Amino acid sequence: MGRLIIIALFISCIGCKKATDPDNYPLQATMKTSSGKSVQAKFLETETKFGKGLSTQGDEIIVSGIKEGGEYSLTLVIIRPKVGTQDLSNVLGWNGSNCNAQIPYSGDSFSTWGIGSGKITIEALTDNSVKGSFNAVCIGTNDTLRITEGRFDGKFD
């Protein structure tokens, strides 16, 4: 009987992930400025929001993460989401899907990078969840921010 319980526990935990497993972060990306400041952004479930709604341009999904303590933030706005790849807009305003981020720039000061260009790929989309990847270049006042290896996977709030 004791061996059976141990075997059952072992089999049921084969698919378990540790909290430190990088695939377990609902939103993550590498963010690096052209001047060399780099952040490996990993947002925990409690730091990430997945929203779905309707805008003047149609359906939209907003994925946002704010690191506890305000260390950095990252937001994706996906207009007319569908499975597949679409461009991120480089036009100011809400003229298409876009990305923006905020990371420490110099000392304690923060710099915000606005709508940039790039690609976003939605791998899976249901009424309750979205999963995908992205890369972007966001433009700041004095610098450029490259966002690579971006991934998101979560349920709508």
Foldseek 3Di string as FASTA:
>chain_A
DVVVVVVVVVVVCPPPDDCPPQVQFQKWWWKAWPVGDIDGDGAHPVFWAWAWDADPQGTKIKIKGAPVVRQKIKIKIAGPDDAAKDKFDQDPDPPGIFMKMWHDDPDNDIWIFGGWIWMKGWHDDDPWWTWTAIWTWTDTPPIIMTIPRIIHIDTHD
